[in-house]
Amino acid sequence: MNVSTEWEGNLAFNMKNSNGKELKMDAGEAAGGSGSGVSPMEAVLGGLAGCMGIDMYMILKPYQDKLERIEIETDGERNEEPPKYFKKIHITLHVDGDVPASRVWRAIKLSDEKYCSVANSLKAELSYTLLLNGEKVEND
C-alpha cells in the first residue's frame, strides 16, 4: 500500500492513493493554515472509524440486510506537549437495525482486538528514508 502526499503551499497537503483518490489535509486556521482540508490527526480518527465500520459490516454479514445505519464518532484526547499524540480515543458507535446487541458487541470486540489495522497501527514502529533534492541522505 502506498500513498503520495504533496505540499500545496503554506500548511496544506494533498494525499493521493494509487487509484487517484485524494484527501486534502491542512493544519487548520488556528495553526495558521487555510482550513481547506482535514487535519492529519482528524484523518487518523476518521481512518480508525472507517476501518472499524468496514470490519463491523463484514462481521455482521448475516444481518447486513437488517442494518439501517452504522455511524462512528471518534473523540481523541491528545497529549498536551509535543508530540501531541492521542492518549485516549473514545469511540461511540451508532447502529440501527434489527441486530442483536450481543452480535454488535462481538463485531466491535473482533474489530478492536483482531481486524482493525488502524487501531493496531497507532503505536507502530516508524522508519524513515530521506531524499533531499533527489539524493538519498543517510542519518548520521
Protein backbone atom coordinates (compact mmCIF):
# COMPACT_ATOMS: atom_id res chain seq x y z
CA MET A 1 0.00 0.00 0.00
CA ASN A 2 1.36 3.37 -0.98
CA VAL A 3 0.13 6.96 -0.96
CA SER A 4 1.81 10.14 -2.13
CA THR A 5 1.34 13.35 -0.15
CA GLU A 6 2.28 16.59 -1.86
CA TRP A 7 2.74 20.04 -0.35
CA GLU A 8 0.30 22.59 -1.79
CA GLY A 9 1.73 25.66 -0.07
CA ASN A 10 1.62 27.05 3.44
CA LEU A 11 0.30 24.26 5.73
CA ALA A 12 -1.78 22.42 3.10
CA PHE A 13 -1.03 18.95 1.70
CA ASN A 14 -2.88 16.67 -0.70
CA MET A 15 -2.70 12.89 -0.28
CA LYS A 16 -3.36 10.71 -3.31
CA ASN A 17 -3.61 6.91 -3.43
CA SER A 18 -2.62 4.68 -6.34
CA ASN A 19 -6.20 4.87 -7.69
CA GLY A 20 -6.10 8.67 -7.81
CA LYS A 21 -8.40 9.19 -4.81
CA GLU A 22 -7.48 12.28 -2.83
CA LEU A 23 -7.64 13.63 0.72
CA LYS A 24 -6.86 17.28 1.36
CA MET A 25 -5.18 18.00 4.68
CA ASP A 26 -4.43 21.32 6.36
CA ALA A 27 -3.19 22.32 9.79
CA GLY A 28 -6.33 24.44 10.28
CA GLU A 29 -6.89 28.13 10.72
CA ALA A 30 -5.92 28.12 14.40
CA ALA A 31 -2.45 26.87 13.44
CA GLY A 32 -2.02 29.33 10.55
CA GLY A 33 -3.40 27.14 7.77
CA SER A 34 -6.34 27.84 5.50
CA GLY A 35 -8.68 25.21 6.92
CA SER A 36 -9.16 23.84 3.40
CA GLY A 37 -8.94 20.21 4.48
CA VAL A 38 -9.00 17.87 7.44
CA SER A 39 -6.09 17.92 9.86
CA PRO A 40 -3.80 14.89 9.80
CA MET A 41 -4.98 13.92 13.29
CA GLU A 42 -8.62 14.18 12.17
CA ALA A 43 -7.68 11.89 9.30
CA VAL A 44 -6.33 9.37 11.83
CA LEU A 45 -9.64 9.45 13.74
CA GLY A 46 -11.59 9.09 10.50
CA GLY A 47 -9.36 6.24 9.38
CA LEU A 48 -9.94 4.46 12.68
CA ALA A 49 -13.72 4.87 12.36
CA GLY A 50 -13.74 3.78 8.72
CA CYS A 51 -11.64 0.72 9.48
CA MET A 52 -13.89 -0.33 12.35
CA GLY A 53 -17.02 0.33 10.30
CA ILE A 54 -15.82 -1.86 7.44
CA ASP A 55 -14.87 -4.62 9.88
CA MET A 56 -18.22 -4.44 11.64
CA TYR A 57 -20.16 -4.56 8.39
CA MET A 58 -18.21 -7.64 7.29
CA ILE A 59 -18.55 -9.36 10.68
CA LEU A 60 -22.28 -8.63 10.77
CA LYS A 61 -22.74 -10.22 7.33
CA PRO A 62 -25.72 -12.36 8.45
CA TYR A 63 -27.51 -9.12 9.42
CA GLN A 64 -26.45 -6.89 6.52
CA ASP A 65 -29.98 -6.77 5.10
CA LYS A 66 -31.25 -5.63 8.53
CA LEU A 67 -28.66 -2.91 9.12
CA GLU A 68 -30.06 0.57 8.64
CA ARG A 69 -27.20 2.70 9.96
CA ILE A 70 -23.65 2.48 11.20
CA GLU A 71 -22.22 5.80 12.35
CA ILE A 72 -19.00 6.01 14.31
CA GLU A 73 -17.93 9.07 16.29
CA THR A 74 -14.33 9.24 17.47
CA ASP A 75 -13.21 11.71 20.12
CA GLY A 76 -9.49 11.84 20.73
CA GLU A 77 -7.71 13.25 23.78
CA ARG A 78 -4.24 14.40 22.83
CA ASN A 79 -1.04 14.82 24.80
CA GLU A 80 -0.61 18.48 25.80
CA GLU A 81 3.09 18.65 24.93
CA PRO A 82 4.70 17.69 21.61
CA PRO A 83 4.38 15.16 20.25
CA LYS A 84 0.63 15.66 20.62
CA TYR A 85 -0.27 12.02 20.09
CA PHE A 86 -3.62 10.55 21.07
CA LYS A 87 -3.54 9.50 24.72
CA LYS A 88 -7.12 8.23 24.62
CA ILE A 89 -9.72 7.77 21.93
CA HIS A 90 -13.36 7.29 22.79
CA ILE A 91 -15.44 5.64 20.10
CA THR A 92 -19.22 5.99 20.01
CA LEU A 93 -20.95 3.57 17.67
CA HIS A 94 -24.48 4.24 16.45
CA VAL A 95 -26.01 1.10 14.95
CA ASP A 96 -29.63 0.95 13.84
CA GLY A 97 -31.44 -2.14 12.63
CA ASP A 98 -32.77 -5.48 13.77
CA VAL A 99 -29.44 -6.79 15.06
CA PRO A 100 -28.88 -8.39 18.50
CA ALA A 101 -26.71 -6.25 20.79
CA SER A 102 -24.53 -9.27 21.56
CA ARG A 103 -23.63 -9.58 17.85
CA VAL A 104 -22.78 -5.89 17.58
CA TRP A 105 -20.56 -6.08 20.68
CA ARG A 106 -18.89 -9.17 19.22
CA ALA A 107 -18.20 -7.24 16.00
CA ILE A 108 -16.77 -4.30 17.98
CA LYS A 109 -14.53 -6.62 20.00
CA LEU A 110 -13.28 -8.52 16.94
CA SER A 111 -12.57 -5.29 15.10
CA ASP A 112 -10.70 -3.84 18.09
CA GLU A 113 -8.70 -6.93 19.00
CA LYS A 114 -8.15 -8.68 15.70
CA TYR A 115 -9.12 -6.98 12.45
CA CYS A 116 -8.79 -3.18 12.61
CA SER A 117 -5.42 -2.40 11.12
CA VAL A 118 -5.64 1.28 12.03
CA ALA A 119 -6.30 0.61 15.72
CA ASN A 120 -3.39 -1.78 15.80
CA SER A 121 -1.09 0.62 13.93
CA LEU A 122 -1.37 3.60 16.24
CA LYS A 123 1.75 2.52 18.13
CA ALA A 124 3.56 1.32 15.01
CA GLU A 125 7.33 1.35 14.76
CA LEU A 126 8.32 4.02 12.25
CA SER A 127 11.33 4.06 9.95
CA TYR A 128 12.43 6.86 7.64
CA THR A 129 14.23 7.43 4.34
CA LEU A 130 15.24 10.96 3.32
CA LEU A 131 15.59 12.01 -0.31
CA LEU A 132 16.94 15.57 -0.31
CA ASN A 133 16.98 17.20 -3.74
CA GLY A 134 16.61 13.75 -5.28
CA GLU A 135 19.50 12.25 -3.34
CA LYS A 136 19.15 9.67 -0.58
CA VAL A 137 20.66 11.05 2.62
CA GLU A 138 21.56 8.75 5.48
CA ASN A 139 21.02 9.79 9.08
CA ASP A 140 24.36 10.38 10.79
